[in-house]
Amino acid sequence: QGRLKEALDYAKKSIAICEKNGMREELMYSFFNAGNASIAMGENAESLAYYDKAIAINQSMKLGEMTFCDLSNSRGNALKRLGRYTEALNEYKKAQATAQKINYTNAANTVIANLGEVNMLMGNYPEALKYQLKTIELMEASGDRANLVENYVHASTIYEKLNDYPSALAYQKKARFLRDSTASKESDKA
């Protein structure tokens, strides 16, 4: 609902209740929720601290690899936003290995997109392109248009950095077409 401060306040209340009552598993989820609210607010250092606490509980209690994968990906997001790209890359690789091991498709797809973006930010353009094109392929195949414009723009940027201007232009056009068609649908709906 976009009520981020309220979400964080509730997560903090939940943390206090869980700590007071020794509810460790629930505490992990409360830290995770606090991290999610914090990162949405742009409080990246705070989100990293919350994710670290959630991961520590997950590992000490062995609460499952799916949850670890989600936490690890989120931790990578916090590191990426803090400009700690090498650490983010390593975190995403851990999440990717876990997702592949347990066949957690949704997480694997998300991590592939994040690997593309962090490699792009690091200037590893050939590696970034590999992940970016896979992300686009997966999104187009599944009909997931939520972040497709962003990923077209990333592909365009990477191609531009690789001096492949025709491909950069083609992806820029795809992004513009999708953005315009989405805006038109939203306008019609309104």
Protein backbone atom coordinates (compact mmCIF):
# COMPACT_ATOMS: atom_id res chain seq x y z
CA GLN A 1 0.00 0.00 0.00
CA GLY A 2 3.02 2.28 0.06
CA ARG A 3 2.68 2.93 3.79
CA LEU A 4 6.33 2.18 4.42
CA LYS A 5 6.88 3.92 7.76
CA GLU A 6 3.81 2.20 9.18
CA ALA A 7 5.04 -1.15 7.84
CA LEU A 8 8.42 -0.63 9.50
CA ASP A 9 6.77 0.40 12.77
CA TYR A 10 4.72 -2.80 12.78
CA ALA A 11 7.80 -4.89 11.94
CA LYS A 12 9.65 -3.30 14.89
CA LYS A 13 6.71 -4.04 17.20
CA SER A 14 6.72 -7.61 15.97
CA ILE A 15 10.48 -7.87 16.64
CA ALA A 16 9.95 -6.69 20.21
CA ILE A 17 7.13 -9.18 20.79
CA CYS A 18 9.14 -12.04 19.31
CA GLU A 19 12.24 -11.20 21.35
CA LYS A 20 10.23 -10.88 24.56
CA ASN A 21 8.53 -14.24 24.02
CA GLY A 22 11.44 -16.23 22.58
CA MET A 23 9.75 -16.72 19.21
CA ARG A 24 12.88 -17.25 17.09
CA GLU A 25 11.35 -18.38 13.81
CA GLU A 26 8.81 -15.58 13.86
CA LEU A 27 11.64 -13.19 14.78
CA MET A 28 13.43 -14.15 11.57
CA TYR A 29 10.37 -13.18 9.51
CA SER A 30 9.98 -9.96 11.50
CA PHE A 31 13.59 -9.00 10.73
CA PHE A 32 12.97 -9.90 7.07
CA ASN A 33 9.87 -7.67 6.97
CA ALA A 34 11.77 -4.84 8.66
CA GLY A 35 14.52 -5.21 6.05
CA ASN A 36 11.99 -5.10 3.23
CA ALA A 37 10.34 -1.96 4.60
CA SER A 38 13.72 -0.32 5.20
CA ILE A 39 15.04 -1.00 1.71
CA ALA A 40 11.79 0.31 0.18
CA MET A 41 12.37 3.52 2.17
CA GLY A 42 15.93 3.80 0.88
CA GLU A 43 17.39 2.95 4.29
CA ASN A 44 19.84 0.47 2.80
CA ALA A 45 22.29 0.13 5.69
CA GLU A 46 19.43 -0.55 8.09
CA SER A 47 17.92 -3.09 5.71
CA LEU A 48 21.26 -4.90 5.49
CA ALA A 49 21.42 -5.11 9.29
CA TYR A 50 17.91 -6.57 9.44
CA TYR A 51 18.66 -9.10 6.67
CA ASP A 52 21.87 -10.15 8.44
CA LYS A 53 19.91 -10.83 11.63
CA ALA A 54 17.28 -12.82 9.72
CA ILE A 55 19.94 -14.88 7.93
CA ALA A 56 21.72 -15.63 11.23
CA ILE A 57 18.50 -17.01 12.70
CA ASN A 58 17.71 -18.95 9.52
CA GLN A 59 21.13 -20.59 9.57
CA SER A 60 21.20 -21.32 13.30
CA MET A 61 17.73 -22.91 13.22
CA LYS A 62 18.09 -24.48 9.77
CA LEU A 63 14.73 -23.04 8.71
CA GLY A 64 14.91 -23.93 5.06
CA GLU A 65 16.71 -23.22 1.86
CA MET A 66 13.82 -21.42 0.17
CA THR A 67 13.78 -18.83 2.92
CA PHE A 68 17.57 -18.62 2.87
CA CYS A 69 17.43 -18.01 -0.89
CA ASP A 70 14.94 -15.15 -0.46
CA LEU A 71 16.98 -13.64 2.37
CA SER A 72 20.25 -13.96 0.46
CA ASN A 73 18.77 -12.27 -2.62
CA SER A 74 17.40 -9.45 -0.45
CA ARG A 75 20.77 -9.07 1.28
CA GLY A 76 22.34 -8.80 -2.19
CA ASN A 77 19.86 -6.02 -3.03
CA ALA A 78 20.89 -4.06 0.07
CA LEU A 79 24.57 -4.50 -0.74
CA LYS A 80 23.96 -3.44 -4.36
CA ARG A 81 22.17 -0.29 -3.24
CA LEU A 82 25.04 0.48 -0.89
CA GLY A 83 27.43 0.29 -3.85
CA ARG A 84 29.12 -2.83 -2.49
CA TYR A 85 28.85 -4.59 -5.83
CA THR A 86 31.38 -7.39 -5.33
CA GLU A 87 29.69 -8.44 -2.10
CA ALA A 88 26.30 -8.22 -3.79
CA LEU A 89 27.53 -10.38 -6.66
CA ASN A 90 28.74 -13.03 -4.21
CA GLU A 91 25.44 -12.94 -2.33
CA TYR A 92 23.45 -13.33 -5.54
CA LYS A 93 25.63 -16.28 -6.56
CA LYS A 94 24.84 -17.97 -3.24
CA ALA A 95 21.15 -17.36 -3.79
CA GLN A 96 21.37 -18.65 -7.36
CA ALA A 97 23.16 -21.84 -6.30
CA THR A 98 20.53 -22.48 -3.63
CA ALA A 99 17.64 -21.75 -6.01
CA GLN A 100 19.04 -24.14 -8.61
CA LYS A 101 19.72 -26.82 -6.01
CA ILE A 102 16.13 -26.83 -4.74
CA ASN A 103 14.50 -25.96 -8.10
CA TYR A 104 13.05 -22.70 -6.79
CA THR A 105 12.17 -21.19 -10.17
CA ASN A 106 10.75 -17.83 -9.05
CA ALA A 107 13.82 -17.06 -6.98
CA ALA A 108 16.17 -18.26 -9.71
CA ASN A 109 14.55 -15.89 -12.20
CA THR A 110 14.78 -12.96 -9.79
CA VAL A 111 18.42 -13.70 -8.99
CA ILE A 112 19.31 -13.94 -12.68
CA ALA A 113 17.94 -10.42 -13.17
CA ASN A 114 19.93 -9.16 -10.18
CA LEU A 115 23.11 -10.82 -11.45
CA GLY A 116 22.62 -9.00 -14.75
CA GLU A 117 22.13 -5.65 -13.07
CA VAL A 118 25.04 -5.92 -10.64
CA ASN A 119 27.39 -7.07 -13.41
CA MET A 120 26.25 -4.07 -15.46
CA LEU A 121 26.95 -1.75 -12.53
CA MET A 122 30.41 -3.30 -12.18
CA GLY A 123 31.17 -2.78 -15.87
CA ASN A 124 31.22 -6.53 -16.59
CA TYR A 125 29.15 -6.00 -19.72
CA PRO A 126 29.56 -9.37 -21.51
CA GLU A 127 28.60 -11.20 -18.30
CA ALA A 128 25.77 -8.74 -17.63
CA LEU A 129 24.38 -9.26 -21.12
CA LYS A 130 24.22 -13.02 -20.65
CA TYR A 131 22.08 -12.64 -17.52
CA GLN A 132 20.03 -9.76 -18.94
CA LEU A 133 19.03 -11.63 -22.08
CA LYS A 134 18.07 -14.67 -20.01
CA THR A 135 15.94 -12.45 -17.75
CA ILE A 136 14.15 -10.96 -20.75
CA GLU A 137 13.60 -14.40 -22.25
CA LEU A 138 12.07 -15.68 -19.00
CA MET A 139 9.87 -12.61 -18.55
CA GLU A 140 8.60 -12.63 -22.11
CA ALA A 141 7.89 -16.38 -21.98
CA SER A 142 5.94 -16.11 -18.73
CA GLY A 143 4.14 -12.89 -19.65
CA ASP A 144 5.71 -11.12 -16.66
CA ARG A 145 5.62 -7.50 -17.76
CA ALA A 146 6.10 -5.94 -14.32
CA ASN A 147 9.82 -5.24 -14.71
CA LEU A 148 10.22 -5.87 -18.43
CA VAL A 149 10.65 -2.19 -19.35
CA GLU A 150 13.47 -1.88 -16.81
CA ASN A 151 15.15 -4.98 -18.20
CA TYR A 152 14.84 -3.77 -21.81
CA VAL A 153 16.50 -0.52 -20.71
CA HIS A 154 19.30 -2.49 -18.98
CA ALA A 155 19.85 -4.54 -22.16
CA SER A 156 19.96 -1.33 -24.20
CA THR A 157 22.52 0.18 -21.81
CA ILE A 158 24.70 -2.94 -21.92
CA TYR A 159 24.61 -3.12 -25.72
CA GLU A 160 25.53 0.57 -25.86
CA LYS A 161 28.52 -0.04 -23.57
CA LEU A 162 29.54 -2.91 -25.87
CA ASN A 163 29.31 -0.54 -28.87
CA ASP A 164 26.48 -2.58 -30.42
CA TYR A 165 24.32 0.43 -31.24
CA PRO A 166 21.74 -1.33 -33.43
CA SER A 167 20.91 -3.75 -30.59
CA ALA A 168 20.92 -0.91 -28.06
CA LEU A 169 18.42 0.99 -30.21
CA ALA A 170 16.25 -2.12 -30.70
CA TYR A 171 15.93 -2.66 -26.93
CA GLN A 172 15.35 1.06 -26.33
CA LYS A 173 12.47 0.87 -28.83
CA LYS A 174 11.07 -2.22 -27.09
CA ALA A 175 11.18 -0.40 -23.76
CA ARG A 176 9.48 2.69 -25.19
CA PHE A 177 6.78 0.64 -26.95
CA LEU A 178 5.98 -1.37 -23.82
CA ARG A 179 6.03 1.74 -21.60
CA ASP A 180 3.73 3.59 -24.02
CA SER A 181 1.32 0.67 -24.35
CA THR A 182 1.19 0.24 -20.57
CA ALA A 183 0.59 3.97 -20.08
CA SER A 184 -2.17 3.86 -22.71
CA LYS A 185 -3.89 0.95 -20.93
CA GLU A 186 -3.63 2.77 -17.60
CA SER A 187 -5.05 5.92 -19.17
CA ASP A 188 -7.94 3.96 -20.73
CA LYS A 189 -8.62 2.28 -17.40
CA ALA A 190 -8.64 5.64 -15.56
